[in-house]
Amino acid sequence: MSAAASLEKNAGITRDYLTITIADQIFGIPILQVQDVLGEQKVTKVPLAPAAIAGSLNLRGRIVTAIDVRACLGLPKLEKTNGQAMSVVVENQNELYSLMIDKVGDVMTLSPLDYESNISTLDQQWRGVCQGIYRLKDKLLVVLDVPKLLEEIEK
């Protein structure tokens, strides 16, 4: 553990995450990376784009790339959304991205004492786009590393 991480754990500094659900798994996005939360949006397909890029959408006059997070995680496409699908808009390197997810939860404030770096049993594909996990009372919260997720799509 680095000196900064050790100091952070001892100082009791907490971290805030927006919780999202994808295929019944809870993920957390650091709240400072979240720009907006949207309901289901009309996405225009982009020809010849990788499978993880669902297309683009217009957000208040700005073109935003829509990312299918299920595809990034190797999960099957959500067939019927019944208008319930949501998106979390994040900014990375001055570009906006809309992360298409199943649903948005609450903001959680978590202690670094419950944090662990990626565990060995986490799926290899998930480990590449996740920072670590938090062990909650009855489940695991996987922390999504948004820059890594977007970097993987560009590869």
C-alpha atoms as a PDB file:
ATOM      1  CA  MET A   1       0.000   0.000   0.000  1.00  0.00           C
ATOM      2  CA  SER A   2       1.356   3.426  -0.883  1.00  0.00           C
ATOM      3  CA  ALA A   3       2.041   6.011   1.821  1.00  0.00           C
ATOM      4  CA  ALA A   4      -0.791   8.204   0.492  1.00  0.00           C
ATOM      5  CA  ALA A   5      -3.246   5.309   0.590  1.00  0.00           C
ATOM      6  CA  SER A   6      -2.148   4.373   4.103  1.00  0.00           C
ATOM      7  CA  LEU A   7      -2.528   7.976   5.278  1.00  0.00           C
ATOM      8  CA  GLU A   8      -5.966   8.184   3.640  1.00  0.00           C
ATOM      9  CA  LYS A   9      -7.121   5.010   5.426  1.00  0.00           C
ATOM     10  CA  ASN A  10      -5.880   6.251   8.784  1.00  0.00           C
ATOM     11  CA  ALA A  11      -7.337   9.733   8.320  1.00  0.00           C
ATOM     12  CA  GLY A  12     -10.810   8.318   7.712  1.00  0.00           C
ATOM     13  CA  ILE A  13     -11.234  10.137   4.394  1.00  0.00           C
ATOM     14  CA  THR A  14     -14.340   8.917   2.633  1.00  0.00           C
ATOM     15  CA  ARG A  15     -15.124   8.696  -1.075  1.00  0.00           C
ATOM     16  CA  ASP A  16     -18.433   9.342  -2.826  1.00  0.00           C
ATOM     17  CA  TYR A  17     -19.697   7.138  -5.650  1.00  0.00           C
ATOM     18  CA  LEU A  18     -22.768   7.193  -7.847  1.00  0.00           C
ATOM     19  CA  THR A  19     -24.032   3.628  -7.815  1.00  0.00           C
ATOM     20  CA  ILE A  20     -25.241   2.053 -11.030  1.00  0.00           C
ATOM     21  CA  THR A  21     -26.559  -1.403 -11.804  1.00  0.00           C
ATOM     22  CA  ILE A  22     -25.625  -3.505 -14.798  1.00  0.00           C
ATOM     23  CA  ALA A  23     -26.915  -7.082 -15.025  1.00  0.00           C
ATOM     24  CA  ASP A  24     -27.755  -7.139 -11.294  1.00  0.00           C
ATOM     25  CA  GLN A  25     -24.195  -6.122 -10.338  1.00  0.00           C
ATOM     26  CA  ILE A  26     -23.641  -2.848  -8.492  1.00  0.00           C
ATOM     27  CA  PHE A  27     -20.885  -0.586  -9.766  1.00  0.00           C
ATOM     28  CA  GLY A  28     -19.658   2.735  -8.464  1.00  0.00           C
ATOM     29  CA  ILE A  29     -18.485   5.722 -10.486  1.00  0.00           C
ATOM     30  CA  PRO A  30     -16.505   8.358  -8.567  1.00  0.00           C
ATOM     31  CA  ILE A  31     -19.000  11.194  -8.155  1.00  0.00           C
ATOM     32  CA  LEU A  32     -16.530  13.830  -9.354  1.00  0.00           C
ATOM     33  CA  GLN A  33     -16.474  12.168 -12.794  1.00  0.00           C
ATOM     34  CA  VAL A  34     -20.268  12.333 -13.212  1.00  0.00           C
ATOM     35  CA  GLN A  35     -21.592  15.259 -15.276  1.00  0.00           C
ATOM     36  CA  ASP A  36     -25.246  14.264 -15.692  1.00  0.00           C
ATOM     37  CA  VAL A  37     -27.740  11.430 -15.323  1.00  0.00           C
ATOM     38  CA  LEU A  38     -30.162  10.866 -18.196  1.00  0.00           C
ATOM     39  CA  GLY A  39     -33.179   8.714 -18.876  1.00  0.00           C
ATOM     40  CA  GLU A  40     -33.331   6.651 -22.045  1.00  0.00           C
ATOM     41  CA  GLN A  41     -32.114   8.694 -25.006  1.00  0.00           C
ATOM     42  CA  LYS A  42     -32.419   8.435 -28.784  1.00  0.00           C
ATOM     43  CA  VAL A  43     -29.041   7.164 -29.959  1.00  0.00           C
ATOM     44  CA  THR A  44     -27.973   7.467 -33.581  1.00  0.00           C
ATOM     45  CA  LYS A  45     -25.907   4.486 -34.772  1.00  0.00           C
ATOM     46  CA  VAL A  46     -22.408   5.180 -36.056  1.00  0.00           C
ATOM     47  CA  PRO A  47     -21.454   3.024 -39.075  1.00  0.00           C
ATOM     48  CA  LEU A  48     -18.461   0.719 -38.581  1.00  0.00           C
ATOM     49  CA  ALA A  49     -18.087   1.674 -34.910  1.00  0.00           C
ATOM     50  CA  PRO A  50     -16.838  -0.935 -32.420  1.00  0.00           C
ATOM     51  CA  ALA A  51     -19.570  -2.950 -30.642  1.00  0.00           C
ATOM     52  CA  ALA A  52     -19.054  -0.996 -27.420  1.00  0.00           C
ATOM     53  CA  ILE A  53     -19.976   2.272 -29.135  1.00  0.00           C
ATOM     54  CA  ALA A  54     -23.759   2.336 -29.319  1.00  0.00           C
ATOM     55  CA  GLY A  55     -23.724   5.568 -31.329  1.00  0.00           C
ATOM     56  CA  SER A  56     -24.040   9.232 -30.556  1.00  0.00           C
ATOM     57  CA  LEU A  57     -26.650  11.499 -29.043  1.00  0.00           C
ATOM     58  CA  ASN A  58     -27.315  15.203 -28.836  1.00  0.00           C
ATOM     59  CA  LEU A  59     -27.048  16.615 -25.337  1.00  0.00           C
ATOM     60  CA  ARG A  60     -28.012  20.272 -25.249  1.00  0.00           C
ATOM     61  CA  GLY A  61     -26.434  20.898 -28.644  1.00  0.00           C
ATOM     62  CA  ARG A  62     -23.287  18.883 -27.955  1.00  0.00           C
ATOM     63  CA  ILE A  63     -22.584  15.553 -29.668  1.00  0.00           C
ATOM     64  CA  VAL A  64     -21.891  12.850 -27.077  1.00  0.00           C
ATOM     65  CA  THR A  65     -20.557   9.342 -27.747  1.00  0.00           C
ATOM     66  CA  ALA A  66     -22.857   6.686 -26.275  1.00  0.00           C
ATOM     67  CA  ILE A  67     -21.020   3.701 -24.771  1.00  0.00           C
ATOM     68  CA  ASP A  68     -22.732   0.345 -24.199  1.00  0.00           C
ATOM     69  CA  VAL A  69     -21.175  -0.639 -20.873  1.00  0.00           C
ATOM     70  CA  ARG A  70     -22.670  -4.132 -21.115  1.00  0.00           C
ATOM     71  CA  ALA A  71     -20.638  -4.715 -24.301  1.00  0.00           C
ATOM     72  CA  CYS A  72     -17.493  -3.393 -22.560  1.00  0.00           C
ATOM     73  CA  LEU A  73     -17.988  -5.933 -19.775  1.00  0.00           C
ATOM     74  CA  GLY A  74     -18.729  -8.847 -22.120  1.00  0.00           C
ATOM     75  CA  LEU A  75     -22.373  -9.042 -21.053  1.00  0.00           C
ATOM     76  CA  PRO A  76     -25.314  -9.744 -23.377  1.00  0.00           C
ATOM     77  CA  LYS A  77     -27.164  -6.768 -24.814  1.00  0.00           C
ATOM     78  CA  LEU A  78     -30.262  -5.707 -22.893  1.00  0.00           C
ATOM     79  CA  GLU A  79     -33.074  -6.615 -25.290  1.00  0.00           C
ATOM     80  CA  LYS A  80     -36.081  -4.834 -23.789  1.00  0.00           C
ATOM     81  CA  THR A  81     -35.596  -1.688 -21.778  1.00  0.00           C
ATOM     82  CA  ASN A  82     -39.269  -0.651 -21.497  1.00  0.00           C
ATOM     83  CA  GLY A  83     -38.019   2.923 -21.389  1.00  0.00           C
ATOM     84  CA  GLN A  84     -36.181   2.204 -18.136  1.00  0.00           C
ATOM     85  CA  ALA A  85     -32.569   2.251 -19.390  1.00  0.00           C
ATOM     86  CA  MET A  86     -30.470   5.145 -18.196  1.00  0.00           C
ATOM     87  CA  SER A  87     -27.193   6.861 -18.976  1.00  0.00           C
ATOM     88  CA  VAL A  88     -24.537   8.514 -16.891  1.00  0.00           C
ATOM     89  CA  VAL A  89     -22.663  11.296 -18.657  1.00  0.00           C
ATOM     90  CA  VAL A  90     -18.984  11.500 -17.782  1.00  0.00           C
ATOM     91  CA  GLU A  91     -16.181  13.721 -19.023  1.00  0.00           C
ATOM     92  CA  ASN A  92     -12.810  12.358 -20.037  1.00  0.00           C
ATOM     93  CA  GLN A  93     -10.100  14.462 -21.681  1.00  0.00           C
ATOM     94  CA  ASN A  94     -12.574  17.270 -22.419  1.00  0.00           C
ATOM     95  CA  GLU A  95     -14.972  14.918 -24.239  1.00  0.00           C
ATOM     96  CA  LEU A  96     -18.391  13.842 -22.984  1.00  0.00           C
ATOM     97  CA  TYR A  97     -19.433  10.190 -23.005  1.00  0.00           C
ATOM     98  CA  SER A  98     -22.807   8.723 -22.168  1.00  0.00           C
ATOM     99  CA  LEU A  99     -22.416   5.393 -20.361  1.00  0.00           C
ATOM    100  CA  MET A 100     -25.539   3.339 -21.119  1.00  0.00           C
ATOM    101  CA  ILE A 101     -26.468   1.309 -18.052  1.00  0.00           C
ATOM    102  CA  ASP A 102     -29.459  -0.613 -16.671  1.00  0.00           C
ATOM    103  CA  LYS A 103     -30.293   1.744 -13.810  1.00  0.00           C
ATOM    104  CA  VAL A 104     -28.933   4.408 -11.496  1.00  0.00           C
ATOM    105  CA  GLY A 105     -28.893   4.016  -7.742  1.00  0.00           C
ATOM    106  CA  ASP A 106     -27.919   6.376  -4.950  1.00  0.00           C
ATOM    107  CA  VAL A 107     -24.773   8.243  -4.073  1.00  0.00           C
ATOM    108  CA  MET A 108     -22.843   6.256  -1.483  1.00  0.00           C
ATOM    109  CA  THR A 109     -20.152   7.594   0.814  1.00  0.00           C
ATOM    110  CA  LEU A 110     -17.711   4.776   1.496  1.00  0.00           C
ATOM    111  CA  SER A 111     -14.790   4.342   3.826  1.00  0.00           C
ATOM    112  CA  PRO A 112     -11.375   3.369   2.461  1.00  0.00           C
ATOM    113  CA  LEU A 113     -11.303   0.693   5.179  1.00  0.00           C
ATOM    114  CA  ASP A 114     -13.777  -1.346   3.106  1.00  0.00           C
ATOM    115  CA  TYR A 115     -11.837  -0.885  -0.152  1.00  0.00           C
ATOM    116  CA  GLU A 116      -9.719  -3.586  -1.784  1.00  0.00           C
ATOM    117  CA  SER A 117      -7.803  -3.551  -5.027  1.00  0.00           C
ATOM    118  CA  ASN A 118      -9.160  -5.889  -7.694  1.00  0.00           C
ATOM    119  CA  ILE A 119      -9.600  -9.388  -6.348  1.00  0.00           C
ATOM    120  CA  SER A 120      -8.204 -12.345  -8.285  1.00  0.00           C
ATOM    121  CA  THR A 121     -11.652 -13.916  -8.744  1.00  0.00           C
ATOM    122  CA  LEU A 122     -12.948 -10.882 -10.625  1.00  0.00           C
ATOM    123  CA  ASP A 123     -13.445 -11.632 -14.323  1.00  0.00           C
ATOM    124  CA  GLN A 124     -10.329 -10.749 -16.359  1.00  0.00           C
ATOM    125  CA  GLN A 125     -12.288  -8.439 -18.675  1.00  0.00           C
ATOM    126  CA  TRP A 126     -13.770  -6.617 -15.671  1.00  0.00           C
ATOM    127  CA  ARG A 127     -10.390  -6.286 -13.939  1.00  0.00           C
ATOM    128  CA  GLY A 128      -9.136  -4.273 -16.912  1.00  0.00           C
ATOM    129  CA  VAL A 129     -11.779  -1.575 -16.420  1.00  0.00           C
ATOM    130  CA  CYS A 130     -12.249  -1.580 -12.646  1.00  0.00           C
ATOM    131  CA  GLN A 131     -10.227   0.156  -9.934  1.00  0.00           C
ATOM    132  CA  GLY A 132     -11.170  -2.148  -7.089  1.00  0.00           C
ATOM    133  CA  ILE A 133     -14.071  -3.231  -4.920  1.00  0.00           C
ATOM    134  CA  TYR A 134     -15.885  -2.331  -1.751  1.00  0.00           C
ATOM    135  CA  ARG A 135     -17.258  -5.110   0.398  1.00  0.00           C
ATOM    136  CA  LEU A 136     -20.713  -4.016   1.480  1.00  0.00           C
ATOM    137  CA  LYS A 137     -22.905  -5.921   3.952  1.00  0.00           C
ATOM    138  CA  ASP A 138     -24.458  -8.328   1.462  1.00  0.00           C
ATOM    139  CA  LYS A 139     -22.748  -7.583  -1.868  1.00  0.00           C
ATOM    140  CA  LEU A 140     -19.713  -6.219  -3.662  1.00  0.00           C
ATOM    141  CA  LEU A 141     -19.564  -2.783  -5.229  1.00  0.00           C
ATOM    142  CA  VAL A 142     -17.160  -2.766  -8.181  1.00  0.00           C
ATOM    143  CA  VAL A 143     -15.534   0.635  -8.784  1.00  0.00           C
ATOM    144  CA  LEU A 144     -15.566   1.438 -12.486  1.00  0.00           C
ATOM    145  CA  ASP A 145     -12.392   3.080 -13.822  1.00  0.00           C
ATOM    146  CA  VAL A 146     -13.950   5.349 -16.461  1.00  0.00           C
ATOM    147  CA  PRO A 147     -10.684   6.445 -18.157  1.00  0.00           C
ATOM    148  CA  LYS A 148      -9.570   2.798 -18.506  1.00  0.00           C
ATOM    149  CA  LEU A 149     -13.007   1.793 -19.819  1.00  0.00           C
ATOM    150  CA  LEU A 150     -12.843   4.456 -22.519  1.00  0.00           C
ATOM    151  CA  GLU A 151      -9.208   3.608 -23.299  1.00  0.00           C
ATOM    152  CA  GLU A 152     -10.138  -0.057 -23.854  1.00  0.00           C
ATOM    153  CA  ILE A 153     -12.764   0.972 -26.406  1.00  0.00           C
ATOM    154  CA  GLU A 154     -10.198   3.005 -28.353  1.00  0.00           C
ATOM    155  CA  LYS A 155      -7.928  -0.041 -28.637  1.00  0.00           C
END
